[in-house]
C-alpha atoms as a PDB file:
ATOM      1  CA  MET A   1       0.276  -0.033   0.174  1.00  0.00           C
ATOM      2  CA  SER A   2       1.430   3.469  -1.120  1.00  0.00           C
ATOM      3  CA  THR A   3       2.460   5.914   1.705  1.00  0.00           C
ATOM      4  CA  TYR A   4      -0.349   8.436   0.412  1.00  0.00           C
ATOM      5  CA  GLN A   5      -3.036   5.457   0.114  1.00  0.00           C
ATOM      6  CA  ASP A   6      -2.246   4.630   3.935  1.00  0.00           C
ATOM      7  CA  GLN A   7      -2.392   8.449   5.226  1.00  0.00           C
ATOM      8  CA  LEU A   8      -5.524   9.044   3.524  1.00  0.00           C
ATOM      9  CA  ILE A   9      -7.327   5.848   5.162  1.00  0.00           C
ATOM     10  CA  LYS A  10      -5.541   7.004   8.405  1.00  0.00           C
ATOM     11  CA  LEU A  11      -7.089  10.401   7.729  1.00  0.00           C
ATOM     12  CA  SER A  12     -10.532   9.121   7.048  1.00  0.00           C
ATOM     13  CA  GLN A  13     -10.692   7.373   9.816  1.00  0.00           C
ATOM     14  CA  ILE A  14      -9.847   9.901  12.251  1.00  0.00           C
ATOM     15  CA  ASP A  15     -12.184  12.741  10.699  1.00  0.00           C
ATOM     16  CA  LYS A  16     -14.989   9.831  11.333  1.00  0.00           C
ATOM     17  CA  ALA A  17     -13.727   9.466  14.775  1.00  0.00           C
ATOM     18  CA  ILE A  18     -14.013  13.522  15.284  1.00  0.00           C
ATOM     19  CA  ASP A  19     -17.530  13.447  13.814  1.00  0.00           C
ATOM     20  CA  ASP A  20     -18.550  10.439  16.436  1.00  0.00           C
ATOM     21  CA  PHE A  21     -18.009  12.341  19.368  1.00  0.00           C
ATOM     22  CA  GLU A  22     -20.750  14.966  18.564  1.00  0.00           C
ATOM     23  CA  PRO A  23     -23.562  12.457  18.505  1.00  0.00           C
ATOM     24  CA  GLN A  24     -21.652  11.211  22.059  1.00  0.00           C
ATOM     25  CA  ILE A  25     -22.174  15.002  23.115  1.00  0.00           C
ATOM     26  CA  GLU A  26     -25.904  15.060  21.833  1.00  0.00           C
ATOM     27  CA  GLN A  27     -26.785  12.070  23.712  1.00  0.00           C
ATOM     28  CA  ILE A  28     -25.217  13.073  26.905  1.00  0.00           C
ATOM     29  CA  LYS A  29     -26.849  16.362  26.662  1.00  0.00           C
ATOM     30  CA  SER A  30     -30.173  14.933  25.747  1.00  0.00           C
ATOM     31  CA  THR A  31     -30.435  12.862  29.381  1.00  0.00           C
ATOM     32  CA  LEU A  32     -30.162  16.573  30.929  1.00  0.00           C
ATOM     33  CA  ASN A  33     -32.663  18.079  28.249  1.00  0.00           C
ATOM     34  CA  LYS A  34     -34.945  15.696  29.457  1.00  0.00           C
ATOM     35  CA  GLU A  35     -34.841  16.223  33.252  1.00  0.00           C
ATOM     36  CA  LEU A  36     -35.121  20.270  32.510  1.00  0.00           C
ATOM     37  CA  ALA A  37     -37.959  19.240  30.266  1.00  0.00           C
ATOM     38  CA  LYS A  38     -39.990  17.271  33.169  1.00  0.00           C
ATOM     39  CA  GLU A  39     -39.012  19.972  35.403  1.00  0.00           C
ATOM     40  CA  GLN A  40     -40.729  22.743  33.493  1.00  0.00           C
ATOM     41  CA  GLU A  41     -43.755  20.724  32.906  1.00  0.00           C
ATOM     42  CA  LEU A  42     -43.983  20.527  36.781  1.00  0.00           C
ATOM     43  CA  ILE A  43     -43.431  24.655  37.129  1.00  0.00           C
ATOM     44  CA  LYS A  44     -46.410  25.142  34.980  1.00  0.00           C
ATOM     45  CA  LYS A  45     -48.415  22.805  36.495  1.00  0.00           C
ATOM     46  CA  LEU A  46     -47.622  24.106  39.839  1.00  0.00           C
ATOM     47  CA  GLU A  47     -48.314  27.880  38.362  1.00  0.00           C
ATOM     48  CA  GLN A  48     -51.653  27.036  36.613  1.00  0.00           C
ATOM     49  CA  LEU A  49     -52.416  25.378  40.210  1.00  0.00           C
ATOM     50  CA  GLN A  50     -51.124  28.527  42.305  1.00  0.00           C
ATOM     51  CA  GLU A  51     -53.436  30.540  39.721  1.00  0.00           C
ATOM     52  CA  SER A  52     -56.478  28.301  40.436  1.00  0.00           C
ATOM     53  CA  LEU A  53     -55.692  28.789  43.929  1.00  0.00           C
ATOM     54  CA  LYS A  54     -56.066  32.585  43.735  1.00  0.00           C
ATOM     55  CA  GLU A  55     -58.918  32.638  41.227  1.00  0.00           C
ATOM     56  CA  ASN A  56     -60.585  30.278  44.508  1.00  0.00           C
ATOM     57  CA  GLU A  57     -59.832  32.472  47.147  1.00  0.00           C
ATOM     58  CA  LEU A  58     -60.883  35.376  45.145  1.00  0.00           C
ATOM     59  CA  THR A  59     -64.448  33.869  44.767  1.00  0.00           C
ATOM     60  CA  ARG A  60     -64.509  32.744  48.195  1.00  0.00           C
ATOM     61  CA  ARG A  61     -64.023  36.638  49.452  1.00  0.00           C
ATOM     62  CA  LYS A  62     -66.708  37.614  46.658  1.00  0.00           C
ATOM     63  CA  ASN A  63     -69.588  34.598  48.202  1.00  0.00           C
ATOM     64  CA  GLU A  64     -68.306  36.360  52.116  1.00  0.00           C
ATOM     65  CA  LEU A  65     -69.104  39.744  50.994  1.00  0.00           C
ATOM     66  CA  HIS A  66     -72.369  38.504  49.482  1.00  0.00           C
ATOM     67  CA  LEU A  67     -73.252  36.649  52.585  1.00  0.00           C
ATOM     68  CA  GLU A  68     -72.403  40.192  54.988  1.00  0.00           C
ATOM     69  CA  GLU A  69     -74.561  41.941  52.000  1.00  0.00           C
ATOM     70  CA  LEU A  70     -77.717  39.183  52.782  1.00  0.00           C
ATOM     71  CA  SER A  71     -77.157  39.663  56.450  1.00  0.00           C
ATOM     72  CA  GLU A  72     -77.390  43.181  56.947  1.00  0.00           C
ATOM     73  CA  LYS A  73     -80.574  42.647  54.304  1.00  0.00           C
ATOM     74  CA  LEU A  74     -82.368  40.314  56.688  1.00  0.00           C
ATOM     75  CA  LYS A  75     -81.669  42.638  59.678  1.00  0.00           C
ATOM     76  CA  SER A  76     -83.222  45.488  57.555  1.00  0.00           C
ATOM     77  CA  LEU A  77     -86.168  43.194  56.500  1.00  0.00           C
ATOM     78  CA  SER A  78     -86.738  42.266  60.162  1.00  0.00           C
ATOM     79  CA  LYS A  79     -86.879  45.994  61.145  1.00  0.00           C
ATOM     80  CA  LYS A  80     -89.636  46.371  58.492  1.00  0.00           C
ATOM     81  CA  ASN A  81     -91.624  43.707  59.982  1.00  0.00           C
ATOM     82  CA  LYS A  82     -92.534  46.232  62.932  1.00  0.00           C
ATOM     83  CA  ALA A  83     -93.763  48.943  60.240  1.00  0.00           C
ATOM     84  CA  ILE A  84     -96.071  46.379  58.275  1.00  0.00           C
ATOM     85  CA  LYS A  85     -99.130  47.813  57.647  1.00  0.00           C
ATOM     86  CA  THR A  86    -100.933  45.659  55.071  1.00  0.00           C
ATOM     87  CA  GLU A  87    -101.278  41.625  54.606  1.00  0.00           C
ATOM     88  CA  LYS A  88     -99.985  42.313  51.013  1.00  0.00           C
ATOM     89  CA  GLU A  89     -96.855  44.286  52.620  1.00  0.00           C
ATOM     90  CA  MET A  90     -96.134  41.194  54.822  1.00  0.00           C
ATOM     91  CA  LYS A  91     -96.365  38.674  52.079  1.00  0.00           C
ATOM     92  CA  ALA A  92     -93.759  40.701  50.048  1.00  0.00           C
ATOM     93  CA  LEU A  93     -91.552  41.083  53.097  1.00  0.00           C
ATOM     94  CA  GLN A  94     -91.633  37.069  53.493  1.00  0.00           C
ATOM     95  CA  LEU A  95     -90.952  36.810  49.858  1.00  0.00           C
ATOM     96  CA  GLU A  96     -87.812  38.921  50.037  1.00  0.00           C
ATOM     97  CA  GLU A  97     -86.882  37.213  53.704  1.00  0.00           C
ATOM     98  CA  GLU A  98     -87.133  33.631  52.124  1.00  0.00           C
ATOM     99  CA  ILE A  99     -84.822  34.618  48.759  1.00  0.00           C
ATOM    100  CA  ALA A 100     -82.390  36.092  51.219  1.00  0.00           C
ATOM    101  CA  LYS A 101     -82.028  33.001  53.029  1.00  0.00           C
ATOM    102  CA  GLU A 102     -81.877  30.838  50.143  1.00  0.00           C
ATOM    103  CA  GLN A 103     -79.186  33.084  48.640  1.00  0.00           C
ATOM    104  CA  ILE A 104     -77.383  32.698  52.284  1.00  0.00           C
ATOM    105  CA  ASP A 105     -78.002  29.144  51.498  1.00  0.00           C
ATOM    106  CA  PHE A 106     -76.155  28.922  48.546  1.00  0.00           C
ATOM    107  CA  ALA A 107     -73.404  31.284  49.484  1.00  0.00           C
ATOM    108  CA  ASN A 108     -72.539  29.177  52.013  1.00  0.00           C
ATOM    109  CA  GLU A 109     -72.654  25.849  50.057  1.00  0.00           C
ATOM    110  CA  GLU A 110     -70.292  27.603  47.630  1.00  0.00           C
ATOM    111  CA  ILE A 111     -67.874  28.532  50.338  1.00  0.00           C
ATOM    112  CA  ALA A 112     -68.060  24.660  51.550  1.00  0.00           C
ATOM    113  CA  ARG A 113     -66.862  24.045  48.167  1.00  0.00           C
ATOM    114  CA  LEU A 114     -64.575  26.365  47.411  1.00  0.00           C
ATOM    115  CA  ASP A 115     -62.872  25.729  50.644  1.00  0.00           C
ATOM    116  CA  LYS A 116     -62.772  21.702  49.755  1.00  0.00           C
ATOM    117  CA  ASN A 117     -61.068  22.841  46.561  1.00  0.00           C
ATOM    118  CA  ARG A 118     -58.278  24.801  48.186  1.00  0.00           C
ATOM    119  CA  GLU A 119     -57.948  22.053  50.230  1.00  0.00           C
ATOM    120  CA  LEU A 120     -56.841  19.903  47.451  1.00  0.00           C
ATOM    121  CA  MET A 121     -55.423  22.192  45.294  1.00  0.00           C
ATOM    122  CA  SER A 122     -52.768  23.210  48.657  1.00  0.00           C
ATOM    123  CA  SER A 123     -52.418  19.418  49.171  1.00  0.00           C
ATOM    124  CA  GLU A 124     -51.777  19.404  45.566  1.00  0.00           C
ATOM    125  CA  ILE A 125     -49.152  22.303  45.509  1.00  0.00           C
ATOM    126  CA  GLN A 126     -47.192  20.966  48.007  1.00  0.00           C
ATOM    127  CA  GLU A 127     -46.722  17.467  46.358  1.00  0.00           C
ATOM    128  CA  LEU A 128     -45.611  19.651  43.225  1.00  0.00           C
ATOM    129  CA  GLU A 129     -43.432  22.118  45.392  1.00  0.00           C
ATOM    130  CA  SER A 130     -41.670  18.678  46.777  1.00  0.00           C
ATOM    131  CA  SER A 131     -41.277  16.862  43.571  1.00  0.00           C
ATOM    132  CA  ILE A 132     -40.173  19.963  41.952  1.00  0.00           C
ATOM    133  CA  GLU A 133     -37.079  20.508  44.815  1.00  0.00           C
ATOM    134  CA  SER A 134     -36.514  16.699  44.163  1.00  0.00           C
ATOM    135  CA  MET A 135     -36.048  16.899  40.601  1.00  0.00           C
ATOM    136  CA  GLN A 136     -33.693  20.065  40.978  1.00  0.00           C
ATOM    137  CA  GLU A 137     -31.306  18.171  43.166  1.00  0.00           C
ATOM    138  CA  ASN A 138     -31.635  15.164  40.659  1.00  0.00           C
ATOM    139  CA  ILE A 139     -30.605  17.967  37.679  1.00  0.00           C
ATOM    140  CA  ALA A 140     -27.770  18.920  39.690  1.00  0.00           C
ATOM    141  CA  ASN A 141     -26.602  15.292  39.904  1.00  0.00           C
ATOM    142  CA  VAL A 142     -26.932  14.839  36.357  1.00  0.00           C
ATOM    143  CA  LYS A 143     -25.531  18.604  35.690  1.00  0.00           C
ATOM    144  CA  GLU A 144     -22.518  17.370  37.900  1.00  0.00           C
ATOM    145  CA  GLU A 145     -21.927  13.793  36.036  1.00  0.00           C
ATOM    146  CA  ILE A 146     -22.651  15.463  32.569  1.00  0.00           C
ATOM    147  CA  GLU A 147     -19.804  18.362  32.958  1.00  0.00           C
ATOM    148  CA  GLN A 148     -17.074  15.302  33.836  1.00  0.00           C
ATOM    149  CA  GLU A 149     -18.640  13.177  30.996  1.00  0.00           C
ATOM    150  CA  LEU A 150     -18.470  15.991  28.296  1.00  0.00           C
ATOM    151  CA  LYS A 151     -14.655  16.982  29.712  1.00  0.00           C
ATOM    152  CA  ASP A 152     -13.637  13.525  29.221  1.00  0.00           C
ATOM    153  CA  ILE A 153     -15.175  13.491  25.749  1.00  0.00           C
ATOM    154  CA  GLU A 154     -13.217  17.124  25.222  1.00  0.00           C
ATOM    155  CA  GLN A 155     -10.015  15.278  26.520  1.00  0.00           C
ATOM    156  CA  LYS A 156     -10.423  12.706  24.033  1.00  0.00           C
ATOM    157  CA  ARG A 157     -11.442  15.093  21.451  1.00  0.00           C
ATOM    158  CA  MET A 158      -8.275  17.091  21.541  1.00  0.00           C
ATOM    159  CA  THR A 159      -5.832  13.708  21.452  1.00  0.00           C
ATOM    160  CA  VAL A 160      -7.685  12.993  18.207  1.00  0.00           C
ATOM    161  CA  PHE A 161      -7.608  16.650  17.227  1.00  0.00           C
ATOM    162  CA  GLN A 162      -3.960  15.981  17.907  1.00  0.00           C
ATOM    163  CA  ASP A 163      -3.282  12.944  16.045  1.00  0.00           C
ATOM    164  CA  LYS A 164      -5.062  14.534  12.697  1.00  0.00           C
ATOM    165  CA  GLU A 165      -2.665  17.840  12.956  1.00  0.00           C
ATOM    166  CA  LYS A 166       0.370  15.682  13.387  1.00  0.00           C
ATOM    167  CA  LEU A 167      -0.871  13.370  10.590  1.00  0.00           C
ATOM    168  CA  VAL A 168      -1.602  16.045   8.225  1.00  0.00           C
ATOM    169  CA  SER A 169       1.752  17.953   8.788  1.00  0.00           C
ATOM    170  CA  GLU A 170       3.556  15.064   7.200  1.00  0.00           C
ATOM    171  CA  MET A 171       1.178  14.815   4.138  1.00  0.00           C
ATOM    172  CA  ASN A 172       1.134  15.976   0.667  1.00  0.00           C
ATOM    173  CA  HIS A 173      -0.812  19.412   0.421  1.00  0.00           C
ATOM    174  CA  ASN A 174      -2.225  18.400  -2.947  1.00  0.00           C
ATOM    175  CA  ILE A 175      -3.330  14.916  -1.461  1.00  0.00           C
ATOM    176  CA  ILE A 176      -5.251  16.736   1.474  1.00  0.00           C
ATOM    177  CA  VAL A 177      -7.127  19.379  -0.797  1.00  0.00           C
ATOM    178  CA  PHE A 178      -8.238  16.160  -3.148  1.00  0.00           C
ATOM    179  CA  TYR A 179      -9.492  14.599  -0.047  1.00  0.00           C
ATOM    180  CA  GLU A 180     -11.397  17.465   1.710  1.00  0.00           C
ATOM    181  CA  LYS A 181     -12.949  18.330  -1.884  1.00  0.00           C
ATOM    182  CA  ILE A 182     -14.223  14.760  -1.797  1.00  0.00           C
ATOM    183  CA  ARG A 183     -14.824  14.666   1.927  1.00  0.00           C
ATOM    184  CA  ARG A 184     -17.586  17.764   1.254  1.00  0.00           C
ATOM    185  CA  TRP A 185     -19.921  15.773  -0.281  1.00  0.00           C
ATOM    186  CA  ALA A 186     -19.142  12.358   0.542  1.00  0.00           C
ATOM    187  CA  LYS A 187     -18.513  12.846   4.504  1.00  0.00           C
ATOM    188  CA  ASN A 188     -17.207   9.709   6.221  1.00  0.00           C
ATOM    189  CA  THR A 189     -17.557   7.882   3.079  1.00  0.00           C
ATOM    190  CA  THR A 190     -15.047   9.790   1.100  1.00  0.00           C
ATOM    191  CA  VAL A 191     -12.467   6.676   1.722  1.00  0.00           C
ATOM    192  CA  VAL A 192     -13.948   3.683   1.397  1.00  0.00           C
ATOM    193  CA  PRO A 193     -13.065  -0.608   1.007  1.00  0.00           C
ATOM    194  CA  VAL A 194     -13.526  -2.320  -1.983  1.00  0.00           C
ATOM    195  CA  LYS A 195     -15.373  -6.175  -1.743  1.00  0.00           C
ATOM    196  CA  LYS A 196     -16.279  -8.172  -4.477  1.00  0.00           C
ATOM    197  CA  GLN A 197     -14.781  -5.899  -6.951  1.00  0.00           C
ATOM    198  CA  ALA A 198     -17.534  -3.343  -6.152  1.00  0.00           C
ATOM    199  CA  CYS A 199     -17.298   0.113  -4.589  1.00  0.00           C
ATOM    200  CA  TYR A 200     -18.399   0.515  -0.693  1.00  0.00           C
ATOM    201  CA  GLY A 201     -19.524   3.778  -1.048  1.00  0.00           C
ATOM    202  CA  CYS A 202     -21.723   3.450  -4.026  1.00  0.00           C
ATOM    203  CA  TYR A 203     -21.851  -0.413  -4.159  1.00  0.00           C
ATOM    204  CA  MET A 204     -21.391  -0.858  -7.879  1.00  0.00           C
ATOM    205  CA  LYS A 205     -19.424  -2.975  -9.381  1.00  0.00           C
ATOM    206  CA  ILE A 206     -15.937  -1.490 -10.847  1.00  0.00           C
ATOM    207  CA  ASN A 207     -14.035  -3.138 -13.799  1.00  0.00           C
ATOM    208  CA  ASP A 208     -11.182  -5.115 -13.966  1.00  0.00           C
ATOM    209  CA  ASN A 209      -8.423  -2.463 -14.702  1.00  0.00           C
ATOM    210  CA  VAL A 210      -9.437  -0.246 -11.617  1.00  0.00           C
ATOM    211  CA  TYR A 211      -9.808  -3.173  -9.541  1.00  0.00           C
ATOM    212  CA  SER A 212      -6.273  -4.193 -10.326  1.00  0.00           C
ATOM    213  CA  LEU A 213      -5.108  -0.718  -9.626  1.00  0.00           C
ATOM    214  CA  VAL A 214      -6.913  -1.004  -5.976  1.00  0.00           C
ATOM    215  CA  LEU A 215      -4.973  -4.924  -5.380  1.00  0.00           C
ATOM    216  CA  GLN A 216      -1.805  -3.249  -6.477  1.00  0.00           C
ATOM    217  CA  ALA A 217      -2.205  -0.186  -3.966  1.00  0.00           C
ATOM    218  CA  LYS A 218       0.537   1.993  -5.234  1.00  0.00           C
ATOM    219  CA  GLU A 219      -1.577   4.697  -6.025  1.00  0.00           C
ATOM    220  CA  ILE A 220      -4.382   6.715  -5.297  1.00  0.00           C
ATOM    221  CA  THR A 221      -7.528   5.172  -6.853  1.00  0.00           C
ATOM    222  CA  THR A 222     -10.978   6.424  -6.879  1.00  0.00           C
ATOM    223  CA  CYS A 223     -14.336   4.622  -7.935  1.00  0.00           C
ATOM    224  CA  PRO A 224     -15.172   5.535 -11.795  1.00  0.00           C
ATOM    225  CA  HIS A 225     -18.845   5.878 -10.744  1.00  0.00           C
ATOM    226  CA  CYS A 226     -19.076   8.138  -7.604  1.00  0.00           C
ATOM    227  CA  GLY A 227     -15.421   9.135  -7.130  1.00  0.00           C
ATOM    228  CA  ARG A 228     -14.711   8.033  -3.640  1.00  0.00           C
ATOM    229  CA  ILE A 229     -10.789   6.940  -2.996  1.00  0.00           C
ATOM    230  CA  LEU A 230     -10.842   2.666  -3.118  1.00  0.00           C
ATOM    231  CA  TYR A 231      -8.551   0.830  -1.187  1.00  0.00           C
ATOM    232  CA  LYS A 232      -8.493  -2.926  -0.527  1.00  0.00           C
ATOM    233  CA  ASP A 233      -9.375  -3.615   3.051  1.00  0.00           C
ATOM    234  CA  GLN A 234      -7.599  -7.048   4.352  1.00  0.00           C
ATOM    235  CA  THR A 235      -9.826  -7.545   6.764  1.00  0.00           C
ATOM    236  CA  LEU A 236     -12.743  -7.750   4.558  1.00  0.00           C
ATOM    237  CA  GLU A 237     -12.683 -11.626   3.449  1.00  0.00           C
ATOM    238  CA  GLU A 238     -13.965 -12.517  -0.271  1.00  0.00           C
ATOM    239  CA  GLU A 239     -16.643 -14.890  -0.371  1.00  0.00           C
ATOM    240  CA  PRO A 240     -15.694 -17.788  -2.643  1.00  0.00           C
ATOM    241  CA  VAL A 241     -17.203 -18.221  -6.012  1.00  0.00           C
ATOM    242  CA  ASP A 242     -19.747 -20.981  -6.332  1.00  0.00           C
ATOM    243  CA  GLN A 243     -18.286 -23.520  -8.747  1.00  0.00           C
ATOM    244  CA  GLU A 244     -20.647 -26.099 -10.900  1.00  0.00           C
ATOM    245  CA  VAL A 245     -19.919 -29.755  -9.983  1.00  0.00           C
ATOM    246  CA  SER A 246     -19.937 -31.892 -12.911  1.00  0.00           C
ATOM    247  CA  ALA A 247     -21.599 -34.909 -12.518  1.00  0.00           C
END
């Protein structure tokens, strides 16, 4: 295998290793993002409950004020009883008293319902606050673990970058330009092996002349179909060709 070809294979492997770091980083960060999303969901639910509790208290206060008004009204009607002169006036006054008492009963029932709602919401708010507190502690631990993982990955990435810099410094500039031109569209399939006389990038069969050049490995050979750089990978074993058995 030529020096140039060997260098290109190593360079492509290093570039792939560098690219593989990004999904690892994203995977690690996604763990934290999921926890943060859960936290935000709980916080949103807590805020909604707190707002509902405020509305509940406001409605209760309105009912209390209404009860005070009705109480004053009953006192006023009681005083009017002394000034009644006719049966008609008495029936009208009694009707007002009945309506006021019904409204008082309804207001008391509404206050009891609101008090029950307040109790339930307050209990749920306490549970949510406790859950959020526990989650925030967990997030803090996750952040600490992630920071260490990212630090380890960054150290490994820097080592790979240094390997690339060393390799590139030893390579021919024109070869690097040629490689980068292909890599712009082929990405991590810039340099691919040949198996069963086919390019492992586009999976098209290459002709005998090109295949012979790949096997000789004396110079850089590209696929006539897709333009990727080809090499014979010794780790890929050729499958045996079926032979006809004569009777």
